[in-house]
Amino acid sequence: MPEFKKILVANRGEIAIRVMRAANEMGKRTVAVYAEEDKLSLHRFKADEAYRIGEGMTPVGAYLSIPEIIRVARMAGADAIHPGYGLLSENPDFVDACDQAGITFIGPRAETMRALGDKASARRVAMEAGVPVIPATEVLGEDMALIKKQAAEVGYPLMLKASWGGGGRGMRPIL
C-alpha cells in the first residue's frame, strides 16, 4: 500500500472531521474543501489546509464537482483523496479522474464500483463467486404478466429495488 503524506478529504461535516482525525493520528497532513455556505463549518478548521471550491455553484454542486476537487488536490499537493461517504464516494468517474491525475483514491477501484454499484451486477458477481443470495429476479422488463408470474415464483412479500439505488433509495415493499 502506498504511503501518503497529504490527504484531501472530499467531504464535509462530521465525516470529514472523523477522516481528518484518523489521518492526523497516523501523522498525515489533511486538506479540507468547503463550499461558500460552509465557510464557518468545523471541518474547514480541523484540517491543516482548507480551500474553497465551487465558486458560483450550489453547495452540493461544489462538493460533486470532480474538476474542482482534482484542481484543489493538485494545488495543495495532496497525494491521496479520501471521499468520506455519500457525495463522490461511489462515483467511478471520480476514481478515474483521480487515477488520471496521479492521485490515489482511498477506496475501491472504479472497476469494482462499476461491477458492484448496481444491484443486478452485484448479484451476478456474487452468484458467480458461489455466494448464497436471496430469491430474486433479474432486471424486470415491461411485460406485466411476466412480472406477476416472477413475483409469484419468488413469493410475497417482495422488496422492489432500483438497480442503482443505494442508501435505502429506490426501495419499495410489495405486499
N, C-alpha and C. Protein backbone atom coordinates (compact mmCIF):
# COMPACT_ATOMS: atom_id res chain seq x y z
N MET A 1 0.84 -1.17 0.00
CA MET A 1 0.00 0.00 0.00
C MET A 1 0.89 1.24 0.00
N PRO A 2 0.55 2.22 -0.85
CA PRO A 2 1.38 3.42 -0.90
C PRO A 2 1.31 4.22 0.40
N GLU A 3 2.37 4.94 0.67
CA GLU A 3 2.44 5.78 1.85
C GLU A 3 2.02 7.19 1.45
N PHE A 4 1.01 7.72 2.12
CA PHE A 4 0.52 9.06 1.81
C PHE A 4 1.07 10.07 2.79
N LYS A 5 1.32 11.26 2.30
CA LYS A 5 1.78 12.34 3.17
C LYS A 5 0.67 13.35 3.42
N LYS A 6 -0.13 13.59 2.38
CA LYS A 6 -1.18 14.61 2.48
C LYS A 6 -2.44 14.08 1.83
N ILE A 7 -3.54 14.09 2.61
CA ILE A 7 -4.81 13.54 2.15
C ILE A 7 -5.86 14.65 2.06
N LEU A 8 -6.44 14.79 0.88
CA LEU A 8 -7.58 15.69 0.72
C LEU A 8 -8.83 14.91 1.09
N VAL A 9 -9.66 15.50 1.95
CA VAL A 9 -10.91 14.87 2.34
C VAL A 9 -12.02 15.53 1.53
N ALA A 10 -12.58 14.78 0.58
CA ALA A 10 -13.57 15.32 -0.36
C ALA A 10 -14.97 15.16 0.22
N ASN A 11 -15.18 15.77 1.38
CA ASN A 11 -16.47 15.67 2.05
C ASN A 11 -16.58 16.82 3.03
N ARG A 12 -17.62 16.82 3.82
CA ARG A 12 -17.88 17.93 4.74
C ARG A 12 -18.39 17.40 6.06
N GLY A 13 -18.50 18.26 7.04
CA GLY A 13 -19.14 17.93 8.30
C GLY A 13 -18.44 16.85 9.09
N GLU A 14 -19.27 16.09 9.83
CA GLU A 14 -18.77 15.09 10.78
C GLU A 14 -17.88 14.04 10.12
N ILE A 15 -18.26 13.54 8.95
CA ILE A 15 -17.44 12.51 8.33
C ILE A 15 -16.07 13.06 7.97
N ALA A 16 -16.00 14.29 7.47
CA ALA A 16 -14.71 14.88 7.15
C ALA A 16 -13.85 15.01 8.40
N ILE A 17 -14.45 15.43 9.50
CA ILE A 17 -13.72 15.58 10.76
C ILE A 17 -13.18 14.23 11.22
N ARG A 18 -13.98 13.19 11.12
CA ARG A 18 -13.54 11.85 11.54
C ARG A 18 -12.36 11.35 10.68
N VAL A 19 -12.45 11.57 9.37
CA VAL A 19 -11.36 11.15 8.49
C VAL A 19 -10.09 11.94 8.83
N MET A 20 -10.25 13.24 9.04
CA MET A 20 -9.09 14.07 9.38
C MET A 20 -8.46 13.65 10.70
N ARG A 21 -9.29 13.34 11.68
CA ARG A 21 -8.76 12.90 12.98
C ARG A 21 -7.94 11.63 12.80
N ALA A 22 -8.47 10.67 12.06
CA ALA A 22 -7.74 9.41 11.83
C ALA A 22 -6.43 9.68 11.09
N ALA A 23 -6.50 10.53 10.07
CA ALA A 23 -5.29 10.86 9.30
C ALA A 23 -4.25 11.52 10.20
N ASN A 24 -4.69 12.46 11.02
CA ASN A 24 -3.76 13.14 11.94
C ASN A 24 -3.13 12.16 12.92
N GLU A 25 -3.90 11.21 13.41
CA GLU A 25 -3.36 10.20 14.32
C GLU A 25 -2.30 9.34 13.64
N MET A 26 -2.39 9.24 12.32
CA MET A 26 -1.41 8.48 11.55
C MET A 26 -0.26 9.37 11.08
N GLY A 27 -0.27 10.63 11.47
CA GLY A 27 0.80 11.54 11.10
C GLY A 27 0.67 12.11 9.70
N LYS A 28 -0.52 12.09 9.15
CA LYS A 28 -0.74 12.61 7.79
C LYS A 28 -1.29 14.04 7.86
N ARG A 29 -0.91 14.85 6.90
CA ARG A 29 -1.47 16.19 6.79
C ARG A 29 -2.81 16.07 6.06
N THR A 30 -3.72 17.00 6.34
CA THR A 30 -5.05 16.93 5.74
C THR A 30 -5.41 18.23 5.05
N VAL A 31 -6.23 18.06 4.01
CA VAL A 31 -6.73 19.19 3.23
C VAL A 31 -8.24 19.10 3.22
N ALA A 32 -8.89 20.20 3.57
CA ALA A 32 -10.35 20.27 3.51
C ALA A 32 -10.76 21.08 2.30
N VAL A 33 -11.94 20.76 1.79
CA VAL A 33 -12.59 21.59 0.79
C VAL A 33 -13.91 22.05 1.38
N TYR A 34 -14.33 23.24 1.00
CA TYR A 34 -15.60 23.74 1.54
C TYR A 34 -16.27 24.65 0.52
N ALA A 35 -17.59 24.55 0.47
CA ALA A 35 -18.40 25.46 -0.33
C ALA A 35 -18.55 26.76 0.45
N GLU A 36 -18.87 27.82 -0.24
CA GLU A 36 -19.03 29.13 0.41
C GLU A 36 -19.97 29.04 1.63
N GLU A 37 -21.04 28.30 1.50
CA GLU A 37 -22.01 28.18 2.59
C GLU A 37 -21.45 27.46 3.81
N ASP A 38 -20.35 26.74 3.63
CA ASP A 38 -19.71 26.00 4.73
C ASP A 38 -18.46 26.70 5.25
N LYS A 39 -18.29 27.97 4.92
CA LYS A 39 -17.04 28.66 5.29
C LYS A 39 -16.81 28.72 6.81
N LEU A 40 -17.85 28.56 7.61
CA LEU A 40 -17.70 28.56 9.07
C LEU A 40 -17.83 27.16 9.66
N SER A 41 -17.90 26.14 8.81
CA SER A 41 -18.06 24.76 9.30
C SER A 41 -16.78 24.26 9.95
N LEU A 42 -16.95 23.43 10.95
CA LEU A 42 -15.82 22.94 11.73
C LEU A 42 -14.80 22.16 10.90
N HIS A 43 -15.27 21.39 9.91
CA HIS A 43 -14.31 20.59 9.14
C HIS A 43 -13.26 21.47 8.47
N ARG A 44 -13.63 22.68 8.10
CA ARG A 44 -12.67 23.60 7.47
C ARG A 44 -11.52 23.94 8.42
N PHE A 45 -11.83 24.06 9.70
CA PHE A 45 -10.83 24.49 10.68
C PHE A 45 -10.05 23.33 11.30
N LYS A 46 -10.54 22.11 11.15
CA LYS A 46 -9.85 20.94 11.68
C LYS A 46 -8.75 20.44 10.75
N ALA A 47 -8.77 20.87 9.50
CA ALA A 47 -7.77 20.43 8.53
C ALA A 47 -6.50 21.28 8.65
N ASP A 48 -5.40 20.75 8.16
CA ASP A 48 -4.15 21.51 8.11
C ASP A 48 -4.24 22.64 7.09
N GLU A 49 -4.98 22.39 6.02
CA GLU A 49 -5.21 23.38 4.97
C GLU A 49 -6.67 23.28 4.55
N ALA A 50 -7.22 24.40 4.07
CA ALA A 50 -8.61 24.38 3.60
C ALA A 50 -8.74 25.30 2.39
N TYR A 51 -9.51 24.85 1.41
CA TYR A 51 -9.68 25.60 0.17
C TYR A 51 -11.16 25.65 -0.20
N ARG A 52 -11.57 26.81 -0.64
CA ARG A 52 -12.95 26.98 -1.09
C ARG A 52 -13.09 26.37 -2.48
N ILE A 53 -14.21 25.72 -2.71
CA ILE A 53 -14.49 25.12 -4.02
C ILE A 53 -15.84 25.61 -4.54
N GLY A 54 -16.01 25.50 -5.83
CA GLY A 54 -17.31 25.68 -6.45
C GLY A 54 -17.85 27.09 -6.51
N GLU A 55 -16.98 28.05 -6.77
CA GLU A 55 -17.48 29.43 -6.88
C GLU A 55 -18.58 29.50 -7.95
N GLY A 56 -19.73 30.06 -7.56
CA GLY A 56 -20.85 30.17 -8.48
C GLY A 56 -21.71 28.92 -8.57
N MET A 57 -21.34 27.87 -7.84
CA MET A 57 -22.11 26.62 -7.85
C MET A 57 -22.97 26.54 -6.59
N THR A 58 -23.95 25.65 -6.62
CA THR A 58 -24.69 25.35 -5.40
C THR A 58 -23.74 24.61 -4.46
N PRO A 59 -24.05 24.56 -3.16
CA PRO A 59 -23.17 23.82 -2.25
C PRO A 59 -23.00 22.36 -2.65
N VAL A 60 -24.09 21.69 -2.97
CA VAL A 60 -23.98 20.28 -3.37
C VAL A 60 -23.19 20.17 -4.67
N GLY A 61 -23.47 21.08 -5.61
CA GLY A 61 -22.73 21.08 -6.87
C GLY A 61 -21.24 21.23 -6.66
N ALA A 62 -20.85 22.05 -5.69
CA ALA A 62 -19.43 22.25 -5.40
C ALA A 62 -18.78 20.95 -4.94
N TYR A 63 -19.43 20.25 -4.00
CA TYR A 63 -18.87 19.01 -3.47
C TYR A 63 -18.92 17.86 -4.48
N LEU A 64 -19.78 17.98 -5.49
CA LEU A 64 -19.87 16.95 -6.53
C LEU A 64 -19.03 17.28 -7.76
N SER A 65 -18.35 18.40 -7.75
CA SER A 65 -17.57 18.83 -8.91
C SER A 65 -16.22 18.13 -8.93
N ILE A 66 -16.11 17.12 -9.76
CA ILE A 66 -14.86 16.37 -9.89
C ILE A 66 -13.71 17.30 -10.30
N PRO A 67 -13.89 18.16 -11.31
CA PRO A 67 -12.77 19.05 -11.68
C PRO A 67 -12.32 19.95 -10.53
N GLU A 68 -13.26 20.43 -9.71
CA GLU A 68 -12.89 21.29 -8.58
C GLU A 68 -12.09 20.51 -7.54
N ILE A 69 -12.50 19.32 -7.21
CA ILE A 69 -11.79 18.53 -6.21
C ILE A 69 -10.39 18.19 -6.71
N ILE A 70 -10.28 17.78 -7.96
CA ILE A 70 -8.96 17.45 -8.52
C ILE A 70 -8.08 18.70 -8.58
N ARG A 71 -8.65 19.84 -8.96
CA ARG A 71 -7.90 21.10 -9.03
C ARG A 71 -7.28 21.42 -7.67
N VAL A 72 -8.09 21.33 -6.62
CA VAL A 72 -7.59 21.66 -5.28
C VAL A 72 -6.56 20.62 -4.82
N ALA A 73 -6.80 19.36 -5.10
CA ALA A 73 -5.84 18.32 -4.70
C ALA A 73 -4.47 18.59 -5.34
N ARG A 74 -4.48 18.92 -6.62
CA ARG A 74 -3.20 19.24 -7.30
C ARG A 74 -2.55 20.49 -6.70
N MET A 75 -3.36 21.53 -6.52
CA MET A 75 -2.85 22.80 -5.99
C MET A 75 -2.24 22.61 -4.60
N ALA A 76 -2.89 21.77 -3.77
CA ALA A 76 -2.43 21.56 -2.40
C ALA A 76 -1.31 20.52 -2.31
N GLY A 77 -1.07 19.80 -3.39
CA GLY A 77 -0.05 18.76 -3.37
C GLY A 77 -0.49 17.51 -2.63
N ALA A 78 -1.79 17.26 -2.60
CA ALA A 78 -2.30 16.04 -1.96
C ALA A 78 -1.93 14.84 -2.82
N ASP A 79 -1.48 13.79 -2.17
CA ASP A 79 -1.15 12.58 -2.92
C ASP A 79 -2.24 11.52 -2.80
N ALA A 80 -3.29 11.83 -2.02
CA ALA A 80 -4.42 10.90 -1.89
C ALA A 80 -5.69 11.69 -1.61
N ILE A 81 -6.81 11.09 -1.97
CA ILE A 81 -8.12 11.67 -1.68
C ILE A 81 -8.96 10.62 -0.98
N HIS A 82 -9.52 11.02 0.16
CA HIS A 82 -10.49 10.17 0.86
C HIS A 82 -11.86 10.78 0.63
N PRO A 83 -12.82 10.01 0.09
CA PRO A 83 -14.11 10.59 -0.26
C PRO A 83 -15.12 10.70 0.89
N GLY A 84 -14.83 10.09 2.04
CA GLY A 84 -15.86 10.02 3.08
C GLY A 84 -16.96 9.10 2.60
N TYR A 85 -18.21 9.48 2.85
CA TYR A 85 -19.33 8.68 2.32
C TYR A 85 -20.32 9.62 1.64
N GLY A 86 -21.17 9.06 0.78
CA GLY A 86 -22.07 9.90 0.00
C GLY A 86 -21.27 10.70 -1.01
N LEU A 87 -21.86 11.77 -1.49
CA LEU A 87 -21.23 12.67 -2.47
C LEU A 87 -20.51 11.87 -3.56
N LEU A 88 -19.19 11.97 -3.65
CA LEU A 88 -18.44 11.30 -4.74
C LEU A 88 -17.92 9.91 -4.37
N SER A 89 -18.24 9.43 -3.19
CA SER A 89 -17.64 8.18 -2.71
C SER A 89 -17.98 6.95 -3.53
N GLU A 90 -19.10 6.97 -4.25
CA GLU A 90 -19.49 5.82 -5.06
C GLU A 90 -19.49 6.13 -6.55
N ASN A 91 -18.75 7.14 -6.94
CA ASN A 91 -18.72 7.57 -8.33
C ASN A 91 -17.45 7.05 -9.01
N PRO A 92 -17.59 6.05 -9.89
CA PRO A 92 -16.39 5.51 -10.54
C PRO A 92 -15.69 6.52 -11.44
N ASP A 93 -16.41 7.51 -11.94
CA ASP A 93 -15.76 8.54 -12.76
C ASP A 93 -14.81 9.38 -11.92
N PHE A 94 -15.13 9.56 -10.65
CA PHE A 94 -14.23 10.29 -9.75
C PHE A 94 -12.94 9.49 -9.54
N VAL A 95 -13.07 8.19 -9.37
CA VAL A 95 -11.89 7.33 -9.21
C VAL A 95 -11.02 7.42 -10.47
N ASP A 96 -11.65 7.37 -11.64
CA ASP A 96 -10.90 7.50 -12.89
C ASP A 96 -10.17 8.84 -12.96
N ALA A 97 -10.83 9.91 -12.54
CA ALA A 97 -10.21 11.24 -12.56
C ALA A 97 -9.02 11.30 -11.61
N CYS A 98 -9.15 10.68 -10.44
CA CYS A 98 -8.02 10.63 -9.50
C CYS A 98 -6.85 9.88 -10.14
N ASP A 99 -7.14 8.73 -10.75
CA ASP A 99 -6.10 7.95 -11.41
C ASP A 99 -5.40 8.76 -12.49
N GLN A 100 -6.18 9.45 -13.31
CA GLN A 100 -5.61 10.25 -14.40
C GLN A 100 -4.75 11.40 -13.87
N ALA A 101 -5.09 11.89 -12.68
CA ALA A 101 -4.32 12.99 -12.08
C ALA A 101 -3.13 12.48 -11.27
N GLY A 102 -2.99 11.17 -11.16
CA GLY A 102 -1.89 10.61 -10.39
C GLY A 102 -2.09 10.74 -8.89
N ILE A 103 -3.34 10.80 -8.47
CA ILE A 103 -3.68 10.93 -7.05
C ILE A 103 -4.39 9.64 -6.63
N THR A 104 -3.97 9.06 -5.53
CA THR A 104 -4.56 7.81 -5.07
C THR A 104 -5.94 8.06 -4.47
N PHE A 105 -6.91 7.30 -4.91
CA PHE A 105 -8.25 7.32 -4.34
C PHE A 105 -8.28 6.30 -3.21
N ILE A 106 -8.63 6.71 -2.01
CA ILE A 106 -8.70 5.80 -0.88
C ILE A 106 -10.09 5.18 -0.87
N GLY A 107 -10.20 4.03 -1.49
CA GLY A 107 -11.47 3.36 -1.63
C GLY A 107 -11.37 2.32 -2.73
N PRO A 108 -12.50 1.76 -3.15
CA PRO A 108 -12.47 0.72 -4.19
C PRO A 108 -12.09 1.27 -5.55
N ARG A 109 -11.61 0.39 -6.39
CA ARG A 109 -11.26 0.74 -7.77
C ARG A 109 -12.54 1.05 -8.54
N ALA A 110 -12.39 1.79 -9.61
CA ALA A 110 -13.54 2.15 -10.45
C ALA A 110 -14.22 0.91 -11.02
N GLU A 111 -13.43 -0.08 -11.42
CA GLU A 111 -13.99 -1.30 -11.98
C GLU A 111 -14.86 -2.03 -10.95
N THR A 112 -14.42 -2.01 -9.70
CA THR A 112 -15.18 -2.64 -8.63
C THR A 112 -16.50 -1.92 -8.44
N MET A 113 -16.44 -0.59 -8.43
CA MET A 113 -17.68 0.19 -8.29
C MET A 113 -18.65 -0.11 -9.43
N ARG A 114 -18.11 -0.20 -10.63
CA ARG A 114 -18.99 -0.46 -11.78
C ARG A 114 -19.58 -1.86 -11.71
N ALA A 115 -18.79 -2.82 -11.24
CA ALA A 115 -19.28 -4.20 -11.17
C ALA A 115 -20.28 -4.40 -10.03
N LEU A 116 -20.09 -3.65 -8.94
CA LEU A 116 -20.93 -3.88 -7.77
C LEU A 116 -21.89 -2.73 -7.46
N GLY A 117 -21.78 -1.66 -8.21
CA GLY A 117 -22.60 -0.48 -7.93
C GLY A 117 -24.07 -0.67 -8.21
N ASP A 118 -24.39 -1.42 -9.22
CA ASP A 118 -25.82 -1.67 -9.45
C ASP A 118 -26.16 -3.06 -8.93
N LYS A 119 -27.35 -3.17 -8.39
CA LYS A 119 -27.76 -4.38 -7.68
C LYS A 119 -27.75 -5.63 -8.56
N ALA A 120 -28.15 -5.49 -9.81
CA ALA A 120 -28.21 -6.65 -10.70
C ALA A 120 -26.81 -7.20 -10.97
N SER A 121 -25.86 -6.32 -11.25
CA SER A 121 -24.48 -6.76 -11.49
C SER A 121 -23.87 -7.37 -10.23
N ALA A 122 -24.10 -6.74 -9.08
CA ALA A 122 -23.57 -7.25 -7.82
C ALA A 122 -24.10 -8.65 -7.54
N ARG A 123 -25.37 -8.86 -7.83
CA ARG A 123 -25.97 -10.18 -7.61
C ARG A 123 -25.31 -11.23 -8.51
N ARG A 124 -25.10 -10.87 -9.79
CA ARG A 124 -24.45 -11.81 -10.71
C ARG A 124 -23.03 -12.16 -10.25
N VAL A 125 -22.27 -11.14 -9.80
CA VAL A 125 -20.91 -11.37 -9.32
C VAL A 125 -20.95 -12.31 -8.12
N ALA A 126 -21.87 -12.08 -7.20
CA ALA A 126 -21.98 -12.94 -6.01
C ALA A 126 -22.30 -14.38 -6.40
N MET A 127 -23.25 -14.56 -7.31
CA MET A 127 -23.62 -15.92 -7.72
C MET A 127 -22.46 -16.62 -8.43
N GLU A 128 -21.73 -15.88 -9.27
CA GLU A 128 -20.57 -16.47 -9.96
C GLU A 128 -19.49 -16.88 -8.97
N ALA A 129 -19.42 -16.18 -7.84
CA ALA A 129 -18.42 -16.50 -6.81
C ALA A 129 -18.91 -17.57 -5.85
N GLY A 130 -20.16 -18.05 -6.05
CA GLY A 130 -20.70 -19.08 -5.18
C GLY A 130 -21.25 -18.57 -3.87
N VAL A 131 -21.48 -17.27 -3.79
CA VAL A 131 -22.05 -16.68 -2.57
C VAL A 131 -23.57 -16.88 -2.60
N PRO A 132 -24.14 -17.39 -1.52
CA PRO A 132 -25.60 -17.57 -1.49
C PRO A 132 -26.31 -16.22 -1.58
N VAL A 133 -27.37 -16.17 -2.35
CA VAL A 133 -28.16 -14.95 -2.50
C VAL A 133 -29.62 -15.28 -2.22
N ILE A 134 -30.38 -14.27 -1.83
CA ILE A 134 -31.79 -14.49 -1.56
C ILE A 134 -32.54 -14.61 -2.89
N PRO A 135 -33.74 -15.22 -2.89
CA PRO A 135 -34.50 -15.34 -4.13
C PRO A 135 -34.79 -13.96 -4.73
N ALA A 136 -34.64 -13.87 -6.03
CA ALA A 136 -34.87 -12.60 -6.73
C ALA A 136 -35.01 -12.88 -8.22
N THR A 137 -35.34 -11.84 -8.96
CA THR A 137 -35.42 -11.93 -10.41
C THR A 137 -34.29 -11.11 -11.00
N GLU A 138 -34.10 -11.24 -12.27
CA GLU A 138 -33.21 -10.35 -12.98
C GLU A 138 -33.93 -9.01 -13.14
N VAL A 139 -33.33 -8.08 -13.82
CA VAL A 139 -33.95 -6.78 -14.04
C VAL A 139 -35.30 -6.99 -14.72
N LEU A 140 -36.32 -6.33 -14.20
CA LEU A 140 -37.68 -6.50 -14.72
C LEU A 140 -37.86 -5.79 -16.05
N GLY A 141 -38.63 -6.41 -16.91
CA GLY A 141 -38.95 -5.82 -18.21
C GLY A 141 -40.25 -5.05 -18.14
N GLU A 142 -40.92 -4.96 -19.27
CA GLU A 142 -42.17 -4.19 -19.36
C GLU A 142 -43.41 -5.09 -19.33
N ASP A 143 -43.24 -6.39 -19.45
CA ASP A 143 -44.35 -7.33 -19.53
C ASP A 143 -44.94 -7.59 -18.14
N MET A 144 -46.08 -6.95 -17.84
CA MET A 144 -46.68 -7.04 -16.51
C MET A 144 -47.11 -8.47 -16.17
N ALA A 145 -47.55 -9.24 -17.14
CA ALA A 145 -47.94 -10.63 -16.87
C ALA A 145 -46.72 -11.44 -16.42
N LEU A 146 -45.60 -11.24 -17.09
CA LEU A 146 -44.37 -11.93 -16.72
C LEU A 146 -43.89 -11.48 -15.34
N ILE A 147 -43.99 -10.19 -15.06
CA ILE A 147 -43.58 -9.66 -13.75
C ILE A 147 -44.42 -10.30 -12.65
N LYS A 148 -45.72 -10.40 -12.85
CA LYS A 148 -46.60 -11.01 -11.85
C LYS A 148 -46.25 -12.49 -11.64
N LYS A 149 -45.93 -13.17 -12.73
CA LYS A 149 -45.56 -14.59 -12.64
C LYS A 149 -44.25 -14.73 -11.84
N GLN A 150 -43.27 -13.88 -12.15
CA GLN A 150 -42.00 -13.93 -11.42
C GLN A 150 -42.20 -13.61 -9.94
N ALA A 151 -43.05 -12.64 -9.64
CA ALA A 151 -43.33 -12.27 -8.25
C ALA A 151 -43.92 -13.46 -7.50
N ALA A 152 -44.84 -14.17 -8.14
CA ALA A 152 -45.46 -15.33 -7.51
C ALA A 152 -44.43 -16.43 -7.25
N GLU A 153 -43.49 -16.60 -8.19
CA GLU A 153 -42.44 -17.61 -8.02
C GLU A 153 -41.50 -17.27 -6.87
N VAL A 154 -41.15 -15.99 -6.75
CA VAL A 154 -40.25 -15.57 -5.68
C VAL A 154 -40.98 -15.62 -4.35
N GLY A 155 -42.23 -15.17 -4.35
CA GLY A 155 -43.05 -15.18 -3.14
C GLY A 155 -43.18 -13.82 -2.49
N TYR A 156 -44.37 -13.60 -1.94
CA TYR A 156 -44.65 -12.33 -1.27
C TYR A 156 -44.33 -12.43 0.22
N PRO A 157 -44.05 -11.36 0.93
CA PRO A 157 -43.89 -10.00 0.42
C PRO A 157 -42.58 -9.87 -0.36
N LEU A 158 -42.54 -8.87 -1.23
CA LEU A 158 -41.37 -8.60 -2.06
C LEU A 158 -40.79 -7.23 -1.71
N MET A 159 -39.54 -7.05 -2.08
CA MET A 159 -38.92 -5.74 -1.99
C MET A 159 -38.46 -5.39 -3.40
N LEU A 160 -39.03 -4.34 -3.95
CA LEU A 160 -38.64 -3.86 -5.27
C LEU A 160 -37.50 -2.88 -5.08
N LYS A 161 -36.36 -3.14 -5.74
CA LYS A 161 -35.18 -2.30 -5.56
C LYS A 161 -34.72 -1.76 -6.91
N ALA A 162 -34.42 -0.48 -6.94
CA ALA A 162 -33.85 0.14 -8.13
C ALA A 162 -32.42 -0.37 -8.30
N SER A 163 -32.03 -0.67 -9.53
CA SER A 163 -30.69 -1.21 -9.78
C SER A 163 -29.60 -0.31 -9.22
N TRP A 164 -29.71 0.99 -9.44
CA TRP A 164 -28.68 1.92 -9.00
C TRP A 164 -29.08 2.65 -7.73
N GLY A 165 -30.12 2.18 -7.06
CA GLY A 165 -30.49 2.78 -5.77
C GLY A 165 -29.43 2.44 -4.74
N GLY A 166 -29.35 3.22 -3.74
CA GLY A 166 -28.39 2.97 -2.67
C GLY A 166 -28.78 3.75 -1.45
N GLY A 167 -28.31 3.32 -0.30
CA GLY A 167 -28.62 4.03 0.92
C GLY A 167 -30.10 4.07 1.22
N GLY A 168 -30.83 3.04 0.79
CA GLY A 168 -32.26 2.98 1.05
C GLY A 168 -33.11 3.65 -0.01
N ARG A 169 -32.47 4.30 -0.99
CA ARG A 169 -33.23 4.95 -2.06
C ARG A 169 -33.71 3.89 -3.06
N GLY A 170 -34.89 4.10 -3.60
CA GLY A 170 -35.39 3.24 -4.65
C GLY A 170 -35.90 1.90 -4.18
N MET A 171 -36.24 1.77 -2.90
CA MET A 171 -36.76 0.52 -2.37
C MET A 171 -38.25 0.67 -2.09
N ARG A 172 -39.04 -0.32 -2.55
CA ARG A 172 -40.49 -0.29 -2.36
C ARG A 172 -40.98 -1.67 -1.93
N PRO A 173 -41.64 -1.75 -0.76
CA PRO A 173 -42.22 -3.05 -0.36
C PRO A 173 -43.45 -3.35 -1.21
N ILE A 174 -43.60 -4.61 -1.61
CA ILE A 174 -44.76 -5.08 -2.37
C ILE A 174 -45.38 -6.20 -1.53
N LEU A 175 -46.57 -5.94 -1.00
CA LEU A 175 -47.19 -6.90 -0.08
C LEU A 175 -48.21 -7.77 -0.74
